N, C-alpha and C. Protein backbone atom coordinates (compact mmCIF):
# COMPACT_ATOMS: atom_id res chain seq x y z
N MET A 1 0.91 -1.15 0.02
CA MET A 1 0.02 -0.08 0.07
C MET A 1 0.97 1.24 -0.10
N THR A 2 0.92 1.95 -1.08
CA THR A 2 1.79 3.02 -1.19
C THR A 2 1.10 4.47 -0.93
N THR A 3 -0.26 4.45 -1.07
CA THR A 3 -1.05 5.77 -0.86
C THR A 3 -1.20 5.90 0.51
N THR A 4 -1.00 7.17 0.94
CA THR A 4 -1.19 7.45 2.38
C THR A 4 -2.41 7.92 2.90
N THR A 5 -3.34 8.30 2.16
CA THR A 5 -4.64 8.74 2.55
C THR A 5 -5.78 7.80 2.07
N ALA A 6 -6.92 7.69 2.80
CA ALA A 6 -7.93 6.85 2.57
C ALA A 6 -8.66 7.31 1.29
N ALA A 7 -8.83 8.59 1.07
CA ALA A 7 -9.40 9.17 -0.01
C ALA A 7 -8.73 8.85 -1.37
N GLU A 8 -7.45 8.75 -1.26
CA GLU A 8 -6.81 8.45 -2.39
C GLU A 8 -6.45 6.82 -2.76
N PHE A 9 -6.95 6.06 -1.76
CA PHE A 9 -6.55 4.69 -1.70
C PHE A 9 -7.21 3.97 -2.95
N LEU A 10 -8.50 4.31 -3.54
CA LEU A 10 -9.04 3.80 -4.59
C LEU A 10 -9.51 4.97 -5.52
N THR A 11 -9.42 4.65 -6.85
CA THR A 11 -9.91 5.53 -7.89
C THR A 11 -11.45 5.44 -7.93
N ASP A 12 -12.16 6.45 -8.60
CA ASP A 12 -13.47 6.30 -8.72
C ASP A 12 -13.89 4.95 -9.27
N THR A 13 -13.17 4.48 -10.39
CA THR A 13 -13.56 3.29 -11.05
C THR A 13 -13.32 2.23 -10.23
N GLU A 14 -12.31 2.11 -9.42
CA GLU A 14 -12.09 1.16 -8.56
C GLU A 14 -13.08 1.02 -7.27
N ARG A 15 -13.53 2.31 -6.84
CA ARG A 15 -14.75 2.19 -5.93
C ARG A 15 -15.90 1.52 -6.48
N GLU A 16 -16.24 1.98 -7.66
CA GLU A 16 -17.40 1.15 -8.36
C GLU A 16 -17.26 -0.17 -8.50
N GLN A 17 -15.94 -0.77 -8.76
CA GLN A 17 -15.68 -2.01 -8.81
C GLN A 17 -15.97 -2.82 -7.42
N VAL A 18 -15.43 -2.22 -6.40
CA VAL A 18 -15.79 -2.83 -5.10
C VAL A 18 -17.21 -2.74 -4.79
N LYS A 19 -17.96 -1.68 -5.08
CA LYS A 19 -19.33 -1.62 -4.92
C LYS A 19 -20.09 -2.68 -5.57
N GLN A 20 -19.82 -3.00 -6.73
CA GLN A 20 -20.40 -4.06 -7.42
C GLN A 20 -20.02 -5.43 -6.99
N ALA A 21 -18.83 -5.50 -6.37
CA ALA A 21 -18.52 -6.86 -5.67
C ALA A 21 -19.45 -7.00 -4.49
N ILE A 22 -19.74 -5.85 -3.77
CA ILE A 22 -20.62 -5.88 -2.67
C ILE A 22 -22.10 -6.36 -3.15
N ARG A 23 -22.46 -5.66 -4.23
CA ARG A 23 -23.83 -6.04 -4.64
C ARG A 23 -23.95 -7.57 -5.00
N GLU A 24 -22.99 -8.03 -5.62
CA GLU A 24 -23.02 -9.53 -6.20
C GLU A 24 -22.86 -10.41 -4.94
N ALA A 25 -22.04 -9.98 -3.91
CA ALA A 25 -21.97 -11.00 -2.77
C ALA A 25 -23.20 -10.87 -1.92
N GLU A 26 -23.87 -9.66 -1.91
CA GLU A 26 -25.05 -9.63 -1.11
C GLU A 26 -26.34 -10.37 -1.86
N HIS A 27 -26.05 -10.61 -3.14
CA HIS A 27 -27.41 -11.28 -3.96
C HIS A 27 -27.44 -12.66 -3.41
N ALA A 28 -26.21 -13.37 -2.91
CA ALA A 28 -26.39 -14.69 -2.59
C ALA A 28 -26.67 -14.96 -0.96
N THR A 29 -26.58 -13.79 -0.25
CA THR A 29 -26.82 -13.84 1.12
C THR A 29 -27.68 -12.72 1.66
N SER A 30 -28.18 -13.14 3.00
CA SER A 30 -29.04 -11.93 3.63
C SER A 30 -28.11 -11.21 4.47
N GLY A 31 -26.73 -11.45 4.37
CA GLY A 31 -25.83 -10.52 5.18
C GLY A 31 -25.58 -9.37 4.40
N GLU A 32 -25.22 -8.49 5.23
CA GLU A 32 -24.93 -7.04 4.66
C GLU A 32 -23.30 -6.74 4.86
N ILE A 33 -22.75 -6.27 3.78
CA ILE A 33 -21.31 -6.01 3.85
C ILE A 33 -20.94 -4.46 3.59
N ARG A 34 -20.06 -4.03 4.28
CA ARG A 34 -19.54 -2.60 4.14
C ARG A 34 -18.04 -2.78 4.08
N VAL A 35 -17.47 -1.77 3.44
CA VAL A 35 -16.17 -1.50 3.40
C VAL A 35 -15.76 -0.10 3.96
N HIS A 36 -14.96 -0.02 4.93
CA HIS A 36 -14.54 1.36 5.50
C HIS A 36 -13.02 1.55 5.41
N LEU A 37 -12.65 2.76 4.96
CA LEU A 37 -11.20 3.05 4.73
C LEU A 37 -10.95 4.21 5.79
N ASP A 38 -9.95 4.12 6.53
CA ASP A 38 -9.40 5.27 7.39
C ASP A 38 -7.94 5.66 6.95
N ASP A 39 -7.49 6.78 7.23
CA ASP A 39 -6.20 7.21 7.05
C ASP A 39 -5.18 6.41 7.96
N ARG A 40 -5.49 6.71 9.15
CA ARG A 40 -4.51 5.97 10.33
C ARG A 40 -5.30 5.85 11.51
N ILE A 41 -4.98 4.95 12.31
CA ILE A 41 -5.51 4.91 13.75
C ILE A 41 -4.53 4.55 14.57
N SER A 42 -4.71 4.97 16.13
CA SER A 42 -3.79 4.65 17.13
C SER A 42 -4.15 3.42 17.91
N GLU A 43 -5.37 2.99 17.80
CA GLU A 43 -5.75 1.90 18.57
C GLU A 43 -5.78 0.62 17.87
N ASP A 44 -6.11 -0.42 18.51
CA ASP A 44 -6.26 -1.88 17.70
C ASP A 44 -7.22 -1.62 16.63
N PRO A 45 -6.95 -2.25 15.44
CA PRO A 45 -7.80 -2.09 14.37
C PRO A 45 -9.02 -2.81 14.65
N LEU A 46 -9.22 -3.86 15.42
CA LEU A 46 -10.50 -4.46 15.63
C LEU A 46 -11.33 -3.70 16.45
N ASP A 47 -10.60 -3.00 17.55
CA ASP A 47 -11.50 -2.09 18.42
C ASP A 47 -12.04 -0.94 17.60
N HIS A 48 -11.15 -0.46 16.79
CA HIS A 48 -11.60 0.68 15.91
C HIS A 48 -12.78 0.37 14.91
N ALA A 49 -12.62 -0.75 14.38
CA ALA A 49 -13.61 -1.39 13.52
C ALA A 49 -14.88 -1.43 14.19
N ALA A 50 -14.78 -1.91 15.49
CA ALA A 50 -16.09 -1.96 16.22
C ALA A 50 -16.73 -0.62 16.43
N PHE A 51 -15.91 0.42 16.74
CA PHE A 51 -16.51 1.75 16.65
C PHE A 51 -17.18 2.20 15.44
N VAL A 52 -16.44 1.89 14.34
CA VAL A 52 -16.93 2.41 12.90
C VAL A 52 -18.16 1.56 12.61
N PHE A 53 -18.24 0.31 12.98
CA PHE A 53 -19.29 -0.58 12.78
C PHE A 53 -20.62 0.10 13.53
N GLU A 54 -20.42 0.53 14.71
CA GLU A 54 -21.48 1.30 15.45
C GLU A 54 -22.01 2.62 14.81
N GLU A 55 -20.89 3.26 14.55
CA GLU A 55 -21.07 4.69 13.97
C GLU A 55 -21.91 4.57 12.54
N LEU A 56 -21.75 3.33 11.73
CA LEU A 56 -22.35 3.17 10.48
C LEU A 56 -23.61 2.57 10.63
N GLY A 57 -24.09 2.32 11.88
CA GLY A 57 -25.30 1.56 12.13
C GLY A 57 -25.47 0.30 11.56
N MET A 58 -24.32 -0.34 11.41
CA MET A 58 -24.43 -1.83 11.06
C MET A 58 -25.10 -2.75 11.93
N HIS A 59 -25.30 -2.30 13.03
CA HIS A 59 -26.06 -3.23 14.15
C HIS A 59 -27.46 -3.20 13.98
N ARG A 60 -27.88 -2.51 13.04
CA ARG A 60 -29.36 -2.35 12.81
C ARG A 60 -30.00 -3.28 11.75
N THR A 61 -29.31 -4.11 11.34
CA THR A 61 -29.81 -5.15 10.54
C THR A 61 -30.79 -6.09 11.14
N ARG A 62 -31.73 -6.63 10.35
CA ARG A 62 -32.70 -7.46 11.10
C ARG A 62 -32.24 -8.78 11.74
N GLN A 63 -31.20 -9.37 10.93
CA GLN A 63 -30.63 -10.45 11.48
C GLN A 63 -29.32 -10.41 12.27
N ARG A 64 -28.91 -9.11 12.30
CA ARG A 64 -27.70 -8.75 13.00
C ARG A 64 -26.50 -9.64 12.43
N ASN A 65 -26.53 -9.54 10.81
CA ASN A 65 -25.56 -10.13 10.07
C ASN A 65 -24.83 -9.25 9.17
N GLY A 66 -24.36 -8.06 9.64
CA GLY A 66 -23.54 -7.26 8.93
C GLY A 66 -22.18 -7.65 9.12
N VAL A 67 -21.34 -7.31 8.14
CA VAL A 67 -19.86 -7.64 8.19
C VAL A 67 -19.27 -6.29 7.74
N LEU A 68 -18.09 -5.84 8.53
CA LEU A 68 -17.34 -4.65 8.05
C LEU A 68 -16.03 -5.17 7.68
N VAL A 69 -15.50 -4.76 6.48
CA VAL A 69 -14.17 -4.96 6.08
C VAL A 69 -13.51 -3.49 6.38
N TYR A 70 -12.52 -3.49 7.25
CA TYR A 70 -11.90 -2.28 7.61
C TYR A 70 -10.37 -2.14 7.30
N VAL A 71 -10.18 -1.11 6.78
CA VAL A 71 -8.76 -0.84 6.20
C VAL A 71 -8.26 0.45 6.87
N SER A 72 -7.08 0.48 7.63
CA SER A 72 -6.43 1.74 8.01
C SER A 72 -5.13 1.77 7.06
N VAL A 73 -5.34 2.63 5.97
CA VAL A 73 -4.52 2.74 4.92
C VAL A 73 -3.12 3.08 5.33
N ALA A 74 -2.75 4.13 5.84
CA ALA A 74 -1.26 4.43 6.18
C ALA A 74 -0.60 3.41 7.14
N ASP A 75 -1.51 2.89 7.99
CA ASP A 75 -0.85 1.85 9.01
C ASP A 75 -0.73 0.68 8.42
N HIS A 76 -1.34 0.18 7.38
CA HIS A 76 -1.35 -1.03 6.89
C HIS A 76 -2.16 -2.07 7.80
N ARG A 77 -3.20 -1.58 8.41
CA ARG A 77 -3.87 -2.35 9.56
C ARG A 77 -5.14 -2.74 8.84
N LEU A 78 -5.64 -4.02 9.22
CA LEU A 78 -6.90 -4.67 8.72
C LEU A 78 -7.75 -5.23 9.82
N ALA A 79 -8.98 -5.20 9.41
CA ALA A 79 -9.87 -5.99 10.37
C ALA A 79 -11.17 -6.34 9.61
N VAL A 80 -11.57 -7.55 10.02
CA VAL A 80 -13.13 -7.81 9.43
C VAL A 80 -13.89 -8.16 10.69
N LEU A 81 -14.99 -7.54 10.82
CA LEU A 81 -15.78 -7.61 11.97
C LEU A 81 -17.16 -7.93 11.68
N GLY A 82 -17.62 -9.19 12.16
CA GLY A 82 -19.09 -9.50 11.91
C GLY A 82 -20.01 -9.15 13.25
N ASP A 83 -21.24 -8.94 12.96
CA ASP A 83 -22.11 -8.69 13.93
C ASP A 83 -22.42 -9.85 14.89
N LYS A 84 -23.21 -9.63 15.92
CA LYS A 84 -23.44 -10.71 16.98
C LYS A 84 -24.18 -11.86 16.45
N GLY A 85 -25.06 -11.51 15.42
CA GLY A 85 -25.84 -12.90 14.84
C GLY A 85 -24.95 -13.70 14.13
N ILE A 86 -23.82 -13.26 13.52
CA ILE A 86 -22.82 -14.01 12.67
C ILE A 86 -21.84 -14.73 13.87
N ASN A 87 -21.39 -13.83 14.77
CA ASN A 87 -20.29 -14.23 15.85
C ASN A 87 -21.01 -15.25 16.71
N ALA A 88 -22.19 -15.44 16.77
CA ALA A 88 -22.79 -16.52 17.71
C ALA A 88 -22.70 -17.87 17.04
N ILE A 89 -22.49 -17.95 15.76
CA ILE A 89 -22.55 -19.28 15.27
C ILE A 89 -21.34 -19.70 14.38
N VAL A 90 -20.30 -18.71 14.32
CA VAL A 90 -19.18 -19.17 13.56
C VAL A 90 -17.95 -19.14 14.43
N PRO A 91 -16.96 -19.95 14.08
CA PRO A 91 -15.63 -20.03 14.80
C PRO A 91 -14.95 -18.56 15.14
N LYS A 92 -14.10 -18.70 16.14
CA LYS A 92 -13.43 -17.41 16.49
C LYS A 92 -12.53 -16.90 15.26
N ASP A 93 -11.90 -17.69 14.46
CA ASP A 93 -11.07 -17.15 13.38
C ASP A 93 -11.61 -17.29 12.15
N PHE A 94 -13.01 -17.09 11.96
CA PHE A 94 -13.86 -17.23 10.84
C PHE A 94 -13.39 -16.28 9.68
N TRP A 95 -12.74 -15.18 10.04
CA TRP A 95 -12.44 -14.09 9.08
C TRP A 95 -10.99 -14.13 8.67
N LYS A 96 -10.07 -14.96 9.27
CA LYS A 96 -8.66 -15.10 9.11
C LYS A 96 -8.31 -15.23 7.66
N ASP A 97 -9.12 -16.00 6.88
CA ASP A 97 -8.59 -16.12 5.45
C ASP A 97 -8.92 -14.90 4.59
N VAL A 98 -10.12 -14.04 4.97
CA VAL A 98 -10.28 -12.92 4.39
C VAL A 98 -9.07 -11.80 4.68
N ILE A 99 -8.62 -11.78 5.74
CA ILE A 99 -7.51 -10.86 6.02
C ILE A 99 -6.35 -11.36 5.31
N ALA A 100 -6.11 -12.68 5.17
CA ALA A 100 -4.78 -13.26 4.50
C ALA A 100 -4.95 -12.73 3.00
N LEU A 101 -6.21 -12.97 2.45
CA LEU A 101 -6.47 -12.55 1.04
C LEU A 101 -6.23 -11.04 0.79
N LEU A 102 -6.64 -10.25 1.77
CA LEU A 102 -6.52 -8.89 1.69
C LEU A 102 -4.94 -8.50 1.59
N ARG A 103 -4.19 -9.02 2.53
CA ARG A 103 -2.79 -8.78 2.65
C ARG A 103 -2.12 -9.21 1.46
N LEU A 104 -2.45 -10.39 0.92
CA LEU A 104 -1.74 -10.87 -0.40
C LEU A 104 -1.99 -9.79 -1.47
N HIS A 105 -3.31 -9.33 -1.70
CA HIS A 105 -3.44 -8.42 -2.82
C HIS A 105 -2.93 -7.04 -2.62
N PHE A 106 -2.97 -6.53 -1.23
CA PHE A 106 -2.43 -5.13 -1.07
C PHE A 106 -0.84 -5.22 -1.18
N ALA A 107 -0.21 -6.22 -0.87
CA ALA A 107 1.25 -6.43 -0.99
C ALA A 107 1.68 -6.32 -2.36
N ALA A 108 0.81 -6.59 -3.27
CA ALA A 108 1.04 -6.65 -4.85
C ALA A 108 0.45 -5.37 -5.34
N ASP A 109 -0.01 -4.40 -4.52
CA ASP A 109 -0.62 -3.27 -4.91
C ASP A 109 -1.81 -3.33 -5.65
N LYS A 110 -2.59 -4.40 -5.46
CA LYS A 110 -3.93 -4.68 -6.01
C LYS A 110 -5.04 -4.46 -5.01
N ARG A 111 -5.26 -3.06 -4.79
CA ARG A 111 -6.24 -2.72 -3.78
C ARG A 111 -7.56 -3.08 -4.18
N ALA A 112 -8.13 -2.73 -5.29
CA ALA A 112 -9.46 -2.78 -5.70
C ALA A 112 -9.79 -4.38 -5.73
N GLU A 113 -8.87 -4.99 -6.50
CA GLU A 113 -8.92 -6.48 -6.47
C GLU A 113 -8.94 -7.13 -5.27
N GLY A 114 -8.05 -6.72 -4.36
CA GLY A 114 -8.14 -7.31 -3.02
C GLY A 114 -9.41 -7.21 -2.28
N LEU A 115 -9.93 -5.91 -2.21
CA LEU A 115 -11.20 -5.65 -1.62
C LEU A 115 -12.39 -6.31 -2.37
N SER A 116 -12.37 -6.30 -3.66
CA SER A 116 -13.42 -7.18 -4.31
C SER A 116 -13.53 -8.54 -4.03
N GLU A 117 -12.30 -9.23 -4.05
CA GLU A 117 -12.13 -10.58 -3.71
C GLU A 117 -12.58 -11.00 -2.24
N ALA A 118 -12.03 -10.06 -1.50
CA ALA A 118 -12.36 -10.25 0.06
C ALA A 118 -13.90 -10.13 0.23
N VAL A 119 -14.54 -9.08 -0.35
CA VAL A 119 -15.95 -9.19 -0.33
C VAL A 119 -16.74 -10.25 -0.68
N ARG A 120 -16.24 -10.90 -1.92
CA ARG A 120 -16.87 -12.03 -2.58
C ARG A 120 -16.73 -13.11 -1.57
N LEU A 121 -15.44 -13.25 -0.96
CA LEU A 121 -15.27 -14.29 0.04
C LEU A 121 -16.17 -14.18 1.38
N VAL A 122 -16.26 -12.96 1.67
CA VAL A 122 -17.22 -12.70 2.96
C VAL A 122 -18.62 -13.15 2.38
N GLY A 123 -19.01 -12.82 1.18
CA GLY A 123 -20.48 -13.27 0.70
C GLY A 123 -20.48 -14.77 0.80
N GLU A 124 -19.58 -15.38 0.38
CA GLU A 124 -19.52 -16.90 0.22
C GLU A 124 -19.67 -17.56 1.67
N LYS A 125 -18.77 -16.97 2.44
CA LYS A 125 -18.91 -17.51 3.88
C LYS A 125 -20.18 -17.22 4.55
N LEU A 126 -20.73 -16.21 4.33
CA LEU A 126 -22.06 -15.72 4.94
C LEU A 126 -23.16 -16.63 4.40
N LYS A 127 -23.14 -16.89 2.99
CA LYS A 127 -24.17 -17.77 2.32
C LYS A 127 -24.48 -19.04 3.00
N ALA A 128 -23.54 -19.63 3.54
CA ALA A 128 -23.69 -20.98 4.15
C ALA A 128 -24.53 -20.89 5.46
N HIS A 129 -24.46 -19.70 6.19
CA HIS A 129 -25.19 -19.39 7.49
C HIS A 129 -26.29 -18.53 7.29
N PHE A 130 -26.34 -17.69 6.30
CA PHE A 130 -27.27 -16.67 6.03
C PHE A 130 -27.66 -16.61 4.67
N PRO A 131 -28.25 -17.67 4.07
CA PRO A 131 -28.68 -17.59 2.63
C PRO A 131 -29.62 -16.49 2.28
N HIS A 132 -29.62 -16.19 1.07
CA HIS A 132 -30.52 -15.05 0.64
C HIS A 132 -31.93 -15.51 0.79
N GLN A 133 -32.72 -14.51 1.31
CA GLN A 133 -34.07 -14.85 1.44
C GLN A 133 -35.12 -14.18 0.55
N GLN A 134 -36.27 -14.70 0.27
CA GLN A 134 -37.03 -14.08 -0.72
C GLN A 134 -37.37 -12.59 -0.33
N ASP A 135 -37.53 -12.30 0.90
CA ASP A 135 -38.04 -10.93 1.25
C ASP A 135 -36.71 -10.15 1.76
N ASP A 136 -35.51 -10.49 1.29
CA ASP A 136 -34.35 -9.66 1.66
C ASP A 136 -34.30 -8.37 0.99
N ARG A 137 -33.86 -7.36 1.60
CA ARG A 137 -33.87 -5.98 1.11
C ARG A 137 -32.51 -5.56 1.64
N ASN A 138 -31.79 -4.49 0.80
CA ASN A 138 -30.53 -3.98 1.05
C ASN A 138 -30.74 -3.17 2.25
N GLU A 139 -30.41 -3.42 3.32
CA GLU A 139 -30.47 -2.79 4.62
C GLU A 139 -29.32 -1.71 4.85
N LEU A 140 -28.20 -1.86 4.18
CA LEU A 140 -27.12 -0.97 4.38
C LEU A 140 -26.53 -0.62 3.09
N SER A 141 -26.01 0.71 3.08
CA SER A 141 -25.52 1.22 1.84
C SER A 141 -24.32 0.38 1.37
N ASP A 142 -24.07 0.30 0.02
CA ASP A 142 -23.05 -0.41 -0.68
C ASP A 142 -21.88 0.43 -0.80
N ASP A 143 -22.01 1.74 -0.47
CA ASP A 143 -20.83 2.74 -0.57
C ASP A 143 -19.67 2.42 0.30
N ILE A 144 -18.61 2.69 -0.24
CA ILE A 144 -17.37 2.58 0.63
C ILE A 144 -17.34 3.90 1.49
N SER A 145 -17.36 3.72 2.87
CA SER A 145 -17.18 4.94 3.60
C SER A 145 -15.71 5.19 3.94
N ILE A 146 -15.48 6.37 4.20
CA ILE A 146 -14.02 6.95 4.42
C ILE A 146 -14.15 7.73 5.58
N GLY A 147 -13.21 7.67 6.56
CA GLY A 147 -13.02 8.23 7.77
C GLY A 147 -11.93 9.20 7.65
N GLN A 148 -11.47 9.75 8.74
CA GLN A 148 -10.38 10.78 8.74
C GLN A 148 -9.02 10.03 8.91
């Protein structure tokens, strides 16, 4: 990751690519997926991701099955955080492979590809526990949020 600000991390075209991956992943699951980028953080990435999760209102989904893919750009720190509906039924290291996939792509400077692939993997993982329902609706924005 060579860019130092969250706003510069992805081009507009790359943001659209990631948003499309979110839409596609959510089509197979009732889970909701968000991506958030921050410039840098001083605390643990998982702790900060929990703060962002709350700030984005991700806990307001009907099945409590939202997932946040969190990136602190300048710090090269990552977290994947699922809501309590997910955490109640999955193993502790459920997101470990998503983090590994992100690190691999980011090391190759393939940011949009990494985020898109990570989102697809999250969707696949959610599909097993939270399949798409007929009455599903998009409960959270598919936009990539950017912090300070």
